[in-house]
């Protein structure tokens, strides 16, 4: 096992314990900041920028005004419904640290590998008994690939199963550094069409499609398709994605991830409008079942959800 730099650090915005998704068994998910994509349906919009961000939950606010006096940059406006002017905010966290009710929360903390592992060790017995482990998510963990690589090496040194949710959009150096330590890659393929992909995520998919074969060589890989009505929820798209998946070494499974609006309220918490609006509804179960049959007809396993 390669040596681990336990002092390497990165920006983490959440650590979610006792998850039964995103890999086998019971898992802890470590969410890293930063993402090169800006998916219209993103359920973690607070993760997109690498810098920490202040979130405001107005129903917890008691109007004590402590945040107003703590902010040295004029970013707090008590009369504004969203409270924080993110153009002026420097993400110093002073307002959040003094807020007595948690109405203001700073999402994003610089943590060392050593500190993250100390949190993960709390559930060592659970990982062993359930066949679970650690999943890196985000954002896109490959934005902080040097930190991700050291954290994954540390997890492997503990004997834990490792997984990563990834868009696959990264440099070749990042792929080569990270995926030797990833037991299971959960690789999003959102569209095979460059125009559709750019409209939905802000970037074209060439880098993702170029990296996918190498990721599949280095890690067991499952292709996952966030399935969004009006964007990629079509029979033709699933045929194309299935054909692509079959070119990837060892890939035999596709997950259909139906569109949901679970992250919609987070946009308000960071002072943004939800890009999808209210006109697009969750994916109907019958559509998900049809896409599942299409994938299976291409000779691949298919799971709705995952």
Protein backbone atom coordinates (compact mmCIF):
# COMPACT_ATOMS: atom_id res chain seq x y z
CA UNK A 1 0.00 0.00 0.00
CA UNK A 2 1.30 3.44 -0.93
CA UNK A 3 2.19 5.79 1.90
CA UNK A 4 -0.52 8.24 2.98
CA UNK A 5 -0.14 11.96 3.54
CA UNK A 6 -2.47 12.39 6.51
CA UNK A 7 -1.80 16.13 6.58
CA UNK A 8 -3.20 16.65 3.07
CA UNK A 9 -6.33 18.77 3.29
CA UNK A 10 -9.40 19.63 1.28
CA UNK A 11 -12.76 21.34 1.61
CA UNK A 12 -15.57 19.07 2.87
CA UNK A 13 -19.15 20.31 3.08
CA UNK A 14 -20.84 17.32 4.70
CA UNK A 15 -20.22 13.86 6.15
CA UNK A 16 -23.33 11.71 6.08
CA UNK A 17 -23.27 8.57 8.24
CA UNK A 18 -25.43 5.43 8.00
CA UNK A 19 -26.30 5.70 4.32
CA UNK A 20 -27.65 2.62 2.54
CA UNK A 21 -27.20 4.10 -0.94
CA UNK A 22 -24.22 4.82 -3.20
CA UNK A 23 -22.44 1.52 -2.68
CA UNK A 24 -22.91 -1.78 -0.85
CA UNK A 25 -23.76 -2.11 2.83
CA UNK A 26 -24.00 0.75 5.31
CA UNK A 27 -21.75 3.63 4.30
CA UNK A 28 -20.46 7.02 5.25
CA UNK A 29 -20.57 9.56 2.43
CA UNK A 30 -17.96 12.31 2.41
CA UNK A 31 -19.08 15.27 0.29
CA UNK A 32 -16.32 17.38 -1.27
CA UNK A 33 -16.75 20.91 -2.58
CA UNK A 34 -16.32 21.92 -6.19
CA UNK A 35 -17.78 20.78 -9.51
CA UNK A 36 -16.96 21.60 -13.15
CA UNK A 37 -20.57 20.97 -14.14
CA UNK A 38 -23.62 23.08 -13.35
CA UNK A 39 -26.43 20.59 -13.89
CA UNK A 40 -29.84 22.25 -13.99
CA UNK A 41 -31.23 19.70 -11.53
CA UNK A 42 -28.25 19.65 -9.14
CA UNK A 43 -29.42 18.52 -5.69
CA UNK A 44 -26.33 19.93 -3.94
CA UNK A 45 -25.98 23.46 -5.36
CA UNK A 46 -23.94 24.47 -2.32
CA UNK A 47 -21.23 22.12 -3.60
CA UNK A 48 -20.67 23.69 -7.01
CA UNK A 49 -18.14 26.34 -5.97
CA UNK A 50 -14.96 25.25 -4.24
CA UNK A 51 -15.16 28.02 -1.63
CA UNK A 52 -17.38 27.62 1.46
CA UNK A 53 -20.82 29.23 1.27
CA UNK A 54 -23.24 30.57 3.88
CA UNK A 55 -26.77 29.14 3.82
CA UNK A 56 -29.73 30.88 5.47
CA UNK A 57 -32.81 29.06 6.79
CA UNK A 58 -35.31 31.80 7.57
CA UNK A 59 -37.70 29.69 9.67
CA UNK A 60 -34.94 29.24 12.26
CA UNK A 61 -34.15 32.94 12.52
CA UNK A 62 -35.24 34.66 15.77
CA UNK A 63 -34.15 38.15 14.70
CA UNK A 64 -31.45 38.55 17.36
CA UNK A 65 -29.26 40.58 14.96
CA UNK A 66 -26.04 38.97 16.18
CA UNK A 67 -25.12 38.13 12.59
CA UNK A 68 -25.50 41.76 11.55
CA UNK A 69 -22.95 42.90 14.11
CA UNK A 70 -20.60 39.96 13.41
CA UNK A 71 -20.33 40.61 9.65
CA UNK A 72 -17.53 43.04 8.82
CA UNK A 73 -18.31 43.14 5.10
CA UNK A 74 -21.89 44.39 5.00
CA UNK A 75 -23.20 41.11 3.63
CA UNK A 76 -26.09 40.79 6.10
CA UNK A 77 -29.36 42.59 5.35
CA UNK A 78 -32.06 41.93 7.94
CA UNK A 79 -34.77 43.26 5.63
CA UNK A 80 -33.86 41.04 2.69
CA UNK A 81 -35.76 37.75 2.49
CA UNK A 82 -32.59 35.81 1.68
CA UNK A 83 -30.62 37.65 4.38
CA UNK A 84 -27.12 37.16 2.86
CA UNK A 85 -25.73 39.22 -0.01
CA UNK A 86 -23.46 36.59 -1.57
CA UNK A 87 -21.79 39.23 -3.74
CA UNK A 88 -20.37 40.85 -0.59
CA UNK A 89 -19.99 37.69 1.50
CA UNK A 90 -16.41 36.42 1.92
CA UNK A 91 -17.49 33.11 3.51
CA UNK A 92 -15.51 33.90 6.65
CA UNK A 93 -18.19 32.13 8.72
CA UNK A 94 -18.38 34.72 11.51
CA UNK A 95 -22.15 35.10 11.12
CA UNK A 96 -22.72 31.36 11.22
CA UNK A 97 -20.46 30.80 14.21
CA UNK A 98 -22.40 33.34 16.28
CA UNK A 99 -25.92 32.34 15.15
CA UNK A 100 -27.64 30.76 18.20
CA UNK A 101 -30.30 28.80 16.29
CA UNK A 102 -28.39 27.51 13.26
CA UNK A 103 -30.32 29.73 10.86
CA UNK A 104 -26.98 30.59 9.27
CA UNK A 105 -24.69 27.69 8.42
CA UNK A 106 -21.31 27.72 6.70
CA UNK A 107 -21.11 24.85 4.23
CA UNK A 108 -17.50 23.96 3.60
CA UNK A 109 -14.73 23.18 6.08
CA UNK A 110 -11.06 22.63 5.38
CA UNK A 111 -10.22 19.22 6.85
CA UNK A 112 -7.10 17.07 6.83
CA UNK A 113 -7.17 13.42 5.84
CA UNK A 114 -6.37 12.64 9.46
CA UNK A 115 -9.41 14.54 10.70
CA UNK A 116 -11.80 12.95 8.19
CA UNK A 117 -10.54 9.46 9.00
CA UNK A 118 -11.06 10.13 12.72
CA UNK A 119 -14.74 10.74 11.95
CA UNK A 120 -15.02 7.68 9.71
CA UNK A 121 -13.48 5.40 12.34
CA UNK A 122 -16.59 5.82 14.50
CA UNK A 123 -18.39 3.36 12.20
CA UNK A 124 -15.65 0.80 11.56
CA UNK A 125 -17.69 -2.02 13.10
CA UNK A 126 -20.73 -1.06 11.02
CA UNK A 127 -18.69 -1.20 7.80
CA UNK A 128 -17.36 -4.61 8.67
CA UNK A 129 -20.68 -6.15 9.71
CA UNK A 130 -22.68 -4.72 6.78
CA UNK A 131 -20.08 -5.02 4.03
CA UNK A 132 -20.19 -1.25 3.74
CA UNK A 133 -17.55 1.43 3.57
CA UNK A 134 -16.83 4.96 2.40
CA UNK A 135 -18.21 6.85 -0.60
CA UNK A 136 -16.79 10.13 -1.87
CA UNK A 137 -19.35 12.44 -3.41
CA UNK A 138 -19.84 16.12 -4.04
CA UNK A 139 -19.84 18.20 -6.09
CA UNK A 140 -17.26 16.31 -8.07
CA UNK A 141 -14.53 14.71 -5.91
CA UNK A 142 -12.06 14.89 -8.79
CA UNK A 143 -11.95 18.70 -8.48
CA UNK A 144 -9.92 18.04 -5.31
CA UNK A 145 -8.22 14.98 -6.74
CA UNK A 146 -4.95 15.17 -4.78
CA UNK A 147 -6.88 15.30 -1.50
CA UNK A 148 -9.31 12.61 -2.69
CA UNK A 149 -6.42 10.28 -3.57
CA UNK A 150 -4.84 10.62 -0.12
CA UNK A 151 -8.19 10.16 1.61
CA UNK A 152 -8.95 7.04 -0.42
CA UNK A 153 -5.49 5.61 0.29
CA UNK A 154 -6.11 6.18 4.00
CA UNK A 155 -9.46 4.39 3.76
CA UNK A 156 -7.87 1.43 1.97
CA UNK A 157 -5.19 1.32 4.70
CA UNK A 158 -8.04 0.81 7.18
CA UNK A 159 -9.41 -2.05 5.06
CA UNK A 160 -12.57 -0.18 4.11
CA UNK A 161 -14.45 -0.61 0.85
CA UNK A 162 -14.29 2.60 -1.19
CA UNK A 163 -16.69 4.05 -3.75
CA UNK A 164 -16.92 7.32 -5.60
CA UNK A 165 -19.79 9.17 -7.23
CA UNK A 166 -18.23 10.92 -10.20
CA UNK A 167 -19.01 12.72 -13.42
CA UNK A 168 -15.66 11.55 -14.78
CA UNK A 169 -14.80 15.10 -15.86
CA UNK A 170 -11.15 15.54 -14.87
CA UNK A 171 -7.59 15.45 -16.12
CA UNK A 172 -5.88 12.19 -16.99
CA UNK A 173 -3.54 12.78 -14.02
CA UNK A 174 -6.53 12.91 -11.70
CA UNK A 175 -7.95 9.66 -13.06
CA UNK A 176 -4.62 7.85 -12.72
CA UNK A 177 -4.06 9.15 -9.18
CA UNK A 178 -7.50 8.40 -7.77
CA UNK A 179 -9.13 5.33 -9.28
CA UNK A 180 -6.53 2.72 -8.27
CA UNK A 181 -7.94 3.28 -4.77
CA UNK A 182 -11.63 3.20 -5.76
CA UNK A 183 -13.31 -0.21 -5.44
CA UNK A 184 -16.55 0.97 -7.06
CA UNK A 185 -16.96 3.91 -9.45
CA UNK A 186 -20.51 5.22 -9.79
CA UNK A 187 -20.11 7.01 -13.11
CA UNK A 188 -22.77 9.46 -14.28
CA UNK A 189 -23.45 9.46 -17.99
CA UNK A 190 -26.03 12.17 -18.57
CA UNK A 191 -26.19 12.27 -22.36
CA UNK A 192 -24.29 11.06 -25.41
CA UNK A 193 -25.31 14.15 -27.36
CA UNK A 194 -22.92 17.12 -26.98
CA UNK A 195 -25.60 19.79 -27.43
CA UNK A 196 -27.98 18.18 -24.95
CA UNK A 197 -25.17 17.68 -22.46
CA UNK A 198 -24.02 21.30 -22.71
CA UNK A 199 -27.54 22.65 -22.38
CA UNK A 200 -28.13 20.57 -19.26
CA UNK A 201 -24.75 20.76 -17.52
CA UNK A 202 -22.86 23.72 -18.97
CA UNK A 203 -20.17 21.56 -20.61
CA UNK A 204 -19.87 19.11 -23.50
CA UNK A 205 -19.21 15.44 -22.61
CA UNK A 206 -16.02 14.67 -24.58
CA UNK A 207 -13.73 14.59 -21.52
CA UNK A 208 -16.16 12.35 -19.65
CA UNK A 209 -16.50 9.93 -22.56
CA UNK A 210 -12.72 9.88 -23.02
CA UNK A 211 -12.05 9.12 -19.34
CA UNK A 212 -14.78 6.50 -18.92
CA UNK A 213 -12.84 3.58 -20.50
CA UNK A 214 -9.83 4.19 -18.25
CA UNK A 215 -11.99 4.52 -15.14
CA UNK A 216 -13.61 1.18 -15.99
CA UNK A 217 -10.17 -0.41 -16.34
CA UNK A 218 -9.06 0.82 -12.93
CA UNK A 219 -12.26 0.34 -10.89
CA UNK A 220 -15.39 -1.77 -10.95
CA UNK A 221 -17.80 0.63 -12.62
CA UNK A 222 -21.55 1.11 -12.72
CA UNK A 223 -23.01 3.62 -15.18
CA UNK A 224 -25.70 5.81 -13.66
CA UNK A 225 -28.11 7.97 -15.63
CA UNK A 226 -29.82 10.88 -13.87
CA UNK A 227 -32.99 10.74 -15.93
CA UNK A 228 -34.61 14.12 -16.49
CA UNK A 229 -37.89 14.70 -18.36
CA UNK A 230 -37.45 17.11 -21.31
CA UNK A 231 -33.67 16.56 -21.29
CA UNK A 232 -32.53 12.93 -21.55
CA UNK A 233 -35.62 10.87 -20.70
CA UNK A 234 -35.94 9.33 -24.15
CA UNK A 235 -35.76 5.83 -25.58
CA UNK A 236 -33.08 6.94 -28.06
CA UNK A 237 -30.84 8.31 -25.32
CA UNK A 238 -30.98 5.07 -23.35
CA UNK A 239 -30.13 3.04 -26.43
CA UNK A 240 -27.07 5.24 -27.05
CA UNK A 241 -25.96 5.15 -23.43
CA UNK A 242 -26.37 1.36 -23.35
CA UNK A 243 -24.21 0.99 -26.46
CA UNK A 244 -21.54 3.19 -24.86
CA UNK A 245 -21.66 1.29 -21.57
CA UNK A 246 -21.06 -1.99 -23.39
CA UNK A 247 -17.77 -0.63 -24.73
CA UNK A 248 -16.46 -0.15 -21.17
CA UNK A 249 -14.43 -2.99 -19.68
CA UNK A 250 -16.39 -4.98 -17.10
CA UNK A 251 -19.45 -2.73 -17.10
CA UNK A 252 -22.63 -4.77 -17.01
CA UNK A 253 -25.04 -2.57 -15.04
CA UNK A 254 -26.84 0.72 -15.55
CA UNK A 255 -28.78 2.56 -12.85
CA UNK A 256 -31.74 4.71 -13.88
CA UNK A 257 -31.88 7.60 -11.38
CA UNK A 258 -35.32 9.25 -11.71
CA UNK A 259 -35.43 13.04 -11.50
CA UNK A 260 -36.61 14.41 -8.16
CA UNK A 261 -36.86 17.84 -6.56
CA UNK A 262 -35.32 16.97 -3.17
CA UNK A 263 -32.64 19.64 -3.51
CA UNK A 264 -34.95 22.43 -4.68
CA UNK A 265 -35.18 24.13 -1.28
CA UNK A 266 -31.37 24.45 -1.10
CA UNK A 267 -31.38 27.03 -3.87
CA UNK A 268 -33.41 29.38 -1.72
CA UNK A 269 -30.99 28.77 1.18
CA UNK A 270 -28.07 30.05 -0.91
CA UNK A 271 -30.01 32.92 -2.48
CA UNK A 272 -30.59 31.40 -5.92
CA UNK A 273 -33.57 30.48 -8.06
CA UNK A 274 -34.11 26.81 -8.88
CA UNK A 275 -33.03 26.43 -12.55
CA UNK A 276 -35.56 23.72 -13.38
CA UNK A 277 -38.52 25.81 -12.30
CA UNK A 278 -41.74 24.06 -11.42
CA UNK A 279 -42.83 22.91 -14.84
CA UNK A 280 -40.79 19.68 -14.91
CA UNK A 281 -42.26 16.94 -12.75
CA UNK A 282 -40.58 13.84 -11.30
CA UNK A 283 -40.06 10.97 -13.74
CA UNK A 284 -43.20 8.78 -13.95
CA UNK A 285 -42.60 5.19 -12.74
CA UNK A 286 -43.86 3.79 -16.04
CA UNK A 287 -41.19 5.75 -17.92
CA UNK A 288 -38.47 4.48 -15.59
CA UNK A 289 -39.73 0.92 -16.16
CA UNK A 290 -39.65 1.43 -19.94
CA UNK A 291 -36.04 2.66 -19.84
CA UNK A 292 -35.17 -0.33 -17.67
CA UNK A 293 -36.57 -2.67 -20.31
CA UNK A 294 -34.58 -0.88 -23.03
CA UNK A 295 -31.33 -1.33 -21.10
CA UNK A 296 -32.10 -4.97 -20.39
CA UNK A 297 -32.87 -5.46 -24.07
CA UNK A 298 -29.30 -4.38 -24.79
CA UNK A 299 -28.00 -7.23 -22.62
CA UNK A 300 -27.23 -5.18 -19.48
CA UNK A 301 -28.55 -5.35 -15.94
CA UNK A 302 -30.63 -2.35 -14.98
CA UNK A 303 -31.74 -1.04 -11.60
CA UNK A 304 -34.14 1.84 -11.07
CA UNK A 305 -32.65 3.89 -8.26
CA UNK A 306 -29.30 3.08 -6.72
